[in-house]
Amino acid sequence: MLNFILKGKYVWHVALKRYNEVLIEDCLCQEIRSKLHEKVHYHQYKAFDLSGKL
């Protein structure tokens, strides 16, 4: 059961990382772009952390 939850969290963070990467491509404002970069790095770190627990 715990493994199922961890996989769900992993998929969630990967999906949000990819979503934010798509937003960065179309973003014109540099301030918003930098905030999106921070979010991408956060979700990338969390996905990497969860992949080690699977």
Foldseek 3Di string as FASTA:
>chain_A
DVLVVLVVLLVVLVVLLVVLVVVLVPDDDPVVNVVSVVSNVVSVVSNVVSVVVD
